[in-house]
Amino acid sequence: MPEFFASPPWYLPTTFAAIAVVLLMQGNNRQEKRLKTAGLVSAIIAVLLYSFGYVFESGFEKATRKTEELAAAVDKRDWAAFKLLLDPQVRFFTYNGKDEFAVGAEQSAEKVGVKNISVSIGEVTDVPGGYVVDFSATADIDAVGRRMPTNWRFHWGKPDFLLYRIDYVANPQFGEDAVFSRLAPPK
């Protein structure tokens, strides 16, 4: 489904609804069947546009959902679900490829004791070939003995919405070296 129908601009169904009201009122006052029909058609278009936007998932919504699913898979230690969200050529630090990254993520999560992950989506950007999701993930990390915020940038590819690149965005509390040093070596 094209992005336009999955996420129509708010003013489009509103405009069709307003036109429908005007045409229906004028058609009823003048008893003109053509105006009433045009008003009814405008009302149907407004309802369809609103319904499509409500029923179908836009690319922005899908990228957000997939990001949350990936974090939930790590939190639940569901590595099969985690692996299903990865592109075969996924890249993160020294990990290259789906299998190497999945094994490394599992070993690293166990090594540092990541649990109780909560995700706060910042910005989702439509870029050529996919979507980029900037978000913050806060988790209990046993290796540091407290709850830590981390910032991430996920790159999701179109049309399959598989994660093909992960960037860690350093913050003052947890720099890039702190993450890199805690990763399990690639195998």
Foldseek 3Di string as FASTA:
>chain_A
DDLCLQAPPPVQLVVLLVQLVVLCVVCVVVVPPVSNVSSVVSNVVSVSSVVSNVPHHHQQRVLVVLVVQLQVCLQVVVLVSNLVQADQQADDDPDGGSVQVSVQSSVLCVQFVWHDKDKDWDDWAADVFFIKTWIKIWTQTVNVRGIDIWIKIWTFGPPVRHTRYIDTDADPVAGPCNSVVSTDDTD
